[in-house]
Amino acid sequence: MARFPAMTDPAVPQSSSGGPPPPGALPNAERVRLAYHRRDETDYIFSFWTALGWTILTFGIFGLYVLYQLVRRSRDHNLRRLELLDASVSFAWERAVAQGVADELRPNFERAAGHLQTLRAKSTDFRDPIIWVILAIFTGIATYIAWILLDGDLVKHDHAEGGVEAELAIIFDRLGRPIPAPDPGRLKGPHNYIGRILVTLVTCGLYALWWLYDLMVEGNRHFEENWRFDDAIAGTVYAMSQEAGSAG
């Protein structure tokens, strides 16, 4: 687990990795703002029936675009959320040092850093959407492999993100700026992959439509849950950074 440094000069910002940011790095409040405003670029929302209609009209070609967007939105959303949460933790550490409560909150910061490390590790997984589309064209079965990996990514990322969000809720409450804690009920379990593959084979592929529907809807729901926390943390960080600037 990552260790946070001892309390230091409040004028020296700290990164969530436990040291000062590299020269020329953006302020953490600005990192939060930029990650927050990239939401429209990363968080693609599917309409299953629209996608199905275009897939039928194009004799399946649009289905390749659907696969591309499934992989791309998962990869890009997870990278954006990693940046937003990492910057939020780093900003909170700065404020905790400034308020003299960093040592008290150190266990929360270290648990958050552990969850962030899980997210960083997942960001190195092979998730190039173009390559997955090419593999699907030439093998077909790559589509189902991608679906299984995407569901696993959603489960693992949501648990790690939820862990960071829960720690941030405790931290910001102690800093005097409460934000809503994540809803534990949002967490989902993995699909029954073997069962879904067997049913898809038995139904000559028809069940794959239901499987695809689940992937779209569960991803949409995940984004919408994240947005509520994003709105809260971005607004809080902005307000606190403005107050700190005025005080300075």
Protein backbone atom coordinates (compact mmCIF):
# COMPACT_ATOMS: atom_id res chain seq x y z
CA MET A 1 0.00 0.00 0.00
CA ALA A 2 1.26 3.49 -0.83
CA ARG A 3 2.54 5.56 2.08
CA PHE A 4 1.83 9.25 2.41
CA PRO A 5 4.62 11.49 3.63
CA ALA A 6 4.71 13.14 6.99
CA MET A 7 3.08 16.55 7.23
CA THR A 8 5.11 19.07 5.31
CA ASP A 9 5.01 22.73 4.44
CA PRO A 10 1.41 23.42 3.32
CA ALA A 11 2.78 25.53 0.47
CA VAL A 12 4.30 22.42 -1.16
CA PRO A 13 1.58 20.42 -2.94
CA GLN A 14 1.73 16.66 -2.59
CA SER A 15 0.70 14.04 -5.12
CA SER A 16 -1.34 10.98 -4.19
CA SER A 17 1.76 8.87 -4.81
CA GLY A 18 3.28 10.41 -1.71
CA GLY A 19 5.68 13.00 -3.17
CA PRO A 20 5.67 16.43 -4.78
CA PRO A 21 4.30 16.69 -8.32
CA PRO A 22 6.78 16.88 -11.19
CA PRO A 23 7.91 20.34 -12.34
CA GLY A 24 5.33 22.03 -14.54
CA ALA A 25 2.49 19.77 -13.38
CA LEU A 26 -0.97 21.29 -13.35
CA PRO A 27 -2.48 22.21 -9.97
CA ASN A 28 -4.64 19.39 -8.68
CA ALA A 29 -7.79 21.53 -8.75
CA GLU A 30 -7.18 22.17 -12.46
CA ARG A 31 -6.61 18.45 -13.07
CA VAL A 32 -9.99 17.75 -11.48
CA ARG A 33 -11.64 20.39 -13.65
CA LEU A 34 -10.15 19.09 -16.88
CA ALA A 35 -10.99 15.46 -16.12
CA TYR A 36 -14.52 16.47 -15.19
CA HIS A 37 -15.05 18.36 -18.45
CA ARG A 38 -13.80 15.45 -20.55
CA ARG A 39 -16.91 13.48 -19.62
CA ASP A 40 -18.66 14.15 -22.93
CA GLU A 41 -15.62 12.80 -24.79
CA THR A 42 -15.34 9.55 -22.86
CA ASP A 43 -18.72 8.49 -21.51
CA TYR A 44 -20.65 7.29 -24.54
CA ILE A 45 -24.27 6.38 -23.75
CA PHE A 46 -25.80 3.59 -25.84
CA SER A 47 -29.36 3.25 -27.06
CA PHE A 48 -29.77 -0.49 -27.59
CA TRP A 49 -32.72 -0.28 -29.96
CA THR A 50 -31.07 2.38 -32.11
CA ALA A 51 -27.89 0.32 -32.29
CA LEU A 52 -29.88 -2.82 -33.14
CA GLY A 53 -31.82 -1.03 -35.86
CA TRP A 54 -28.69 0.29 -37.54
CA THR A 55 -27.03 -3.12 -37.26
CA ILE A 56 -29.95 -4.73 -39.08
CA LEU A 57 -30.10 -1.99 -41.73
CA THR A 58 -26.37 -2.31 -42.45
CA PHE A 59 -26.41 -6.12 -42.47
CA GLY A 60 -24.26 -6.31 -39.35
CA ILE A 61 -21.61 -3.74 -40.26
CA PHE A 62 -22.81 -1.26 -37.61
CA GLY A 63 -22.26 -4.01 -35.08
CA LEU A 64 -18.52 -3.52 -35.53
CA TYR A 65 -18.94 0.13 -34.58
CA VAL A 66 -20.88 -0.99 -31.51
CA LEU A 67 -17.97 -3.21 -30.47
CA TYR A 68 -15.54 -0.34 -31.10
CA GLN A 69 -17.56 1.99 -28.87
CA LEU A 70 -17.99 -0.60 -26.13
CA VAL A 71 -14.24 -1.05 -25.85
CA ARG A 72 -13.34 2.60 -26.38
CA ARG A 73 -15.81 4.00 -23.87
CA SER A 74 -14.71 1.55 -21.19
CA ARG A 75 -11.02 2.34 -21.71
CA ASP A 76 -11.42 6.13 -21.98
CA HIS A 77 -13.92 6.41 -19.12
CA ASN A 78 -11.65 4.45 -16.81
CA LEU A 79 -8.63 6.59 -17.69
CA ARG A 80 -10.62 9.77 -17.12
CA ARG A 81 -11.95 8.58 -13.79
CA LEU A 82 -8.48 7.53 -12.67
CA GLU A 83 -7.23 11.05 -13.39
CA LEU A 84 -10.19 12.72 -11.67
CA LEU A 85 -9.99 10.54 -8.55
CA ASP A 86 -6.19 10.76 -8.33
CA ALA A 87 -6.33 14.55 -8.60
CA SER A 88 -9.15 14.71 -6.04
CA VAL A 89 -7.13 12.66 -3.53
CA SER A 90 -4.06 14.82 -4.13
CA PHE A 91 -6.08 18.01 -3.69
CA ALA A 92 -7.64 16.66 -0.50
CA TRP A 93 -4.16 15.85 0.84
CA GLU A 94 -3.10 19.46 0.23
CA ARG A 95 -6.12 20.75 2.14
CA ALA A 96 -5.64 18.20 4.94
CA VAL A 97 -2.05 19.39 5.38
CA ALA A 98 -3.20 23.02 5.35
CA GLN A 99 -5.85 22.31 8.01
CA GLY A 100 -3.50 20.26 10.16
CA VAL A 101 -5.47 17.00 9.93
CA ALA A 102 -3.24 15.05 7.51
CA ASP A 103 -1.92 12.66 10.16
CA GLU A 104 -5.42 11.96 11.41
CA LEU A 105 -6.65 11.17 7.90
CA ARG A 106 -3.53 9.30 6.77
CA PRO A 107 -5.20 5.83 6.95
CA ASN A 108 -7.99 7.05 4.66
CA PHE A 109 -5.50 8.48 2.18
CA GLU A 110 -3.49 5.26 2.18
CA ARG A 111 -6.58 3.14 1.55
CA ALA A 112 -7.56 5.49 -1.29
CA ALA A 113 -4.04 5.20 -2.72
CA GLY A 114 -4.35 1.40 -2.68
CA HIS A 115 -7.58 1.56 -4.70
CA LEU A 116 -5.98 4.03 -7.11
CA GLN A 117 -3.12 1.60 -7.65
CA THR A 118 -5.67 -1.05 -8.67
CA LEU A 119 -7.09 1.38 -11.23
CA ARG A 120 -3.61 2.18 -12.56
CA ALA A 121 -2.79 -1.49 -12.95
CA LYS A 122 -6.00 -2.08 -14.90
CA SER A 123 -5.22 0.84 -17.21
CA THR A 124 -2.33 -1.17 -18.69
CA ASP A 125 -4.60 -3.99 -19.91
CA PHE A 126 -4.87 -4.50 -23.68
CA ARG A 127 -7.99 -2.57 -24.66
CA ASP A 128 -7.32 -1.07 -28.09
CA PRO A 129 -10.75 -0.79 -29.75
CA ILE A 130 -9.44 -0.90 -33.32
CA ILE A 131 -7.47 -4.09 -32.71
CA TRP A 132 -10.49 -5.73 -31.09
CA VAL A 133 -12.64 -4.83 -34.10
CA ILE A 134 -10.04 -6.32 -36.46
CA LEU A 135 -9.90 -9.48 -34.36
CA ALA A 136 -13.70 -9.70 -34.43
CA ILE A 137 -13.75 -9.38 -38.23
CA PHE A 138 -11.27 -12.21 -38.71
CA THR A 139 -12.29 -14.53 -35.89
CA GLY A 140 -15.83 -13.69 -34.78
CA ILE A 141 -15.23 -15.22 -31.37
CA ALA A 142 -13.15 -12.18 -30.38
CA THR A 143 -16.43 -10.29 -29.94
CA TYR A 144 -17.48 -12.57 -27.10
CA ILE A 145 -14.01 -12.50 -25.56
CA ALA A 146 -14.17 -8.70 -25.59
CA TRP A 147 -17.61 -8.78 -23.95
CA ILE A 148 -16.30 -10.99 -21.14
CA LEU A 149 -13.29 -8.73 -20.58
CA LEU A 150 -15.44 -5.60 -20.60
CA ASP A 151 -17.77 -7.01 -17.97
CA GLY A 152 -14.80 -7.98 -15.81
CA ASP A 153 -13.35 -4.49 -16.24
CA LEU A 154 -16.63 -2.92 -15.13
CA VAL A 155 -16.78 -5.05 -11.99
CA LYS A 156 -13.15 -4.46 -10.98
CA HIS A 157 -13.14 -0.76 -11.81
CA ASP A 158 -16.40 -0.08 -10.02
CA HIS A 159 -15.19 -1.77 -6.83
CA ALA A 160 -11.90 0.19 -6.91
CA GLU A 161 -13.60 3.47 -7.81
CA GLY A 162 -16.17 2.95 -5.09
CA GLY A 163 -13.36 2.42 -2.59
CA VAL A 164 -11.72 5.73 -3.52
CA GLU A 165 -15.06 7.54 -3.45
CA ALA A 166 -15.89 6.17 0.00
CA GLU A 167 -12.56 7.35 1.40
CA LEU A 168 -12.95 10.75 -0.24
CA ALA A 169 -16.41 11.12 1.32
CA ILE A 170 -14.89 10.56 4.77
CA ILE A 171 -11.95 12.87 4.06
CA PHE A 172 -14.00 15.78 2.72
CA ASP A 173 -16.47 15.45 5.57
CA ARG A 174 -13.55 15.89 7.99
CA LEU A 175 -12.39 18.89 5.95
CA GLY A 176 -15.78 20.46 6.52
CA ARG A 177 -17.09 19.99 2.97
CA PRO A 178 -19.31 16.87 2.95
CA ILE A 179 -19.88 15.06 -0.33
CA PRO A 180 -22.22 12.08 -0.86
CA ALA A 181 -20.78 8.63 -0.23
CA PRO A 182 -21.15 6.04 -3.02
CA ASP A 183 -24.12 3.69 -2.93
CA PRO A 184 -22.83 0.15 -2.19
CA GLY A 185 -25.94 -1.21 -3.92
CA ARG A 186 -24.60 -0.08 -7.28
CA LEU A 187 -21.90 -2.77 -7.28
CA LYS A 188 -22.64 -5.69 -9.60
CA GLY A 189 -21.23 -9.17 -9.81
CA PRO A 190 -19.70 -10.68 -12.95
CA HIS A 191 -21.89 -12.30 -15.57
CA ASN A 192 -22.13 -16.08 -15.71
CA TYR A 193 -19.87 -16.28 -18.76
CA ILE A 194 -20.07 -20.03 -19.34
CA GLY A 195 -23.85 -19.97 -18.99
CA ARG A 196 -24.20 -17.08 -21.40
CA ILE A 197 -21.99 -18.72 -24.00
CA LEU A 198 -23.96 -21.98 -23.77
CA VAL A 199 -27.32 -20.22 -24.08
CA THR A 200 -25.99 -18.22 -27.04
CA LEU A 201 -25.01 -21.47 -28.77
CA VAL A 202 -28.34 -23.17 -27.98
CA THR A 203 -30.33 -20.20 -29.31
CA CYS A 204 -28.17 -19.95 -32.45
CA GLY A 205 -26.89 -16.53 -31.42
CA LEU A 206 -30.21 -14.90 -30.43
CA TYR A 207 -29.28 -14.72 -26.76
CA ALA A 208 -26.25 -12.62 -27.76
CA LEU A 209 -28.67 -9.73 -28.27
CA TRP A 210 -29.72 -9.91 -24.61
CA TRP A 211 -26.07 -10.17 -23.58
CA LEU A 212 -25.24 -7.09 -25.63
CA TYR A 213 -28.21 -5.26 -24.12
CA ASP A 214 -26.87 -5.96 -20.62
CA LEU A 215 -23.42 -4.68 -21.55
CA MET A 216 -24.86 -1.44 -22.87
CA VAL A 217 -27.33 -0.80 -20.06
CA GLU A 218 -24.96 -1.74 -17.25
CA GLY A 219 -22.29 0.52 -18.71
CA ASN A 220 -24.79 3.37 -19.07
CA ARG A 221 -25.91 2.90 -15.46
CA HIS A 222 -22.30 2.85 -14.25
CA PHE A 223 -21.58 6.16 -15.95
CA GLU A 224 -24.70 7.81 -14.54
CA GLU A 225 -23.77 6.70 -11.00
CA ASN A 226 -20.27 8.09 -11.52
CA TRP A 227 -21.62 11.40 -12.79
CA ARG A 228 -23.37 12.12 -9.51
CA PHE A 229 -20.12 11.76 -7.63
CA ASP A 230 -18.20 13.66 -10.32
CA ASP A 231 -20.60 16.60 -10.02
CA ALA A 232 -20.21 16.67 -6.24
CA ILE A 233 -16.42 16.35 -6.12
CA ALA A 234 -15.77 18.79 -8.97
CA GLY A 235 -18.01 21.43 -7.41
CA THR A 236 -16.45 20.96 -3.98
CA VAL A 237 -12.87 21.09 -5.24
CA TYR A 238 -13.63 24.23 -7.25
CA ALA A 239 -15.23 25.98 -4.27
CA MET A 240 -12.38 25.04 -1.94
CA SER A 241 -9.72 26.11 -4.44
CA GLN A 242 -11.45 29.48 -4.86
CA GLU A 243 -11.58 29.93 -1.09
CA ALA A 244 -7.91 29.00 -0.76
CA GLY A 245 -7.02 31.46 -3.51
CA SER A 246 -8.97 34.26 -1.86
CA ALA A 247 -7.38 33.54 1.50
CA GLY A 248 -3.94 33.54 -0.09
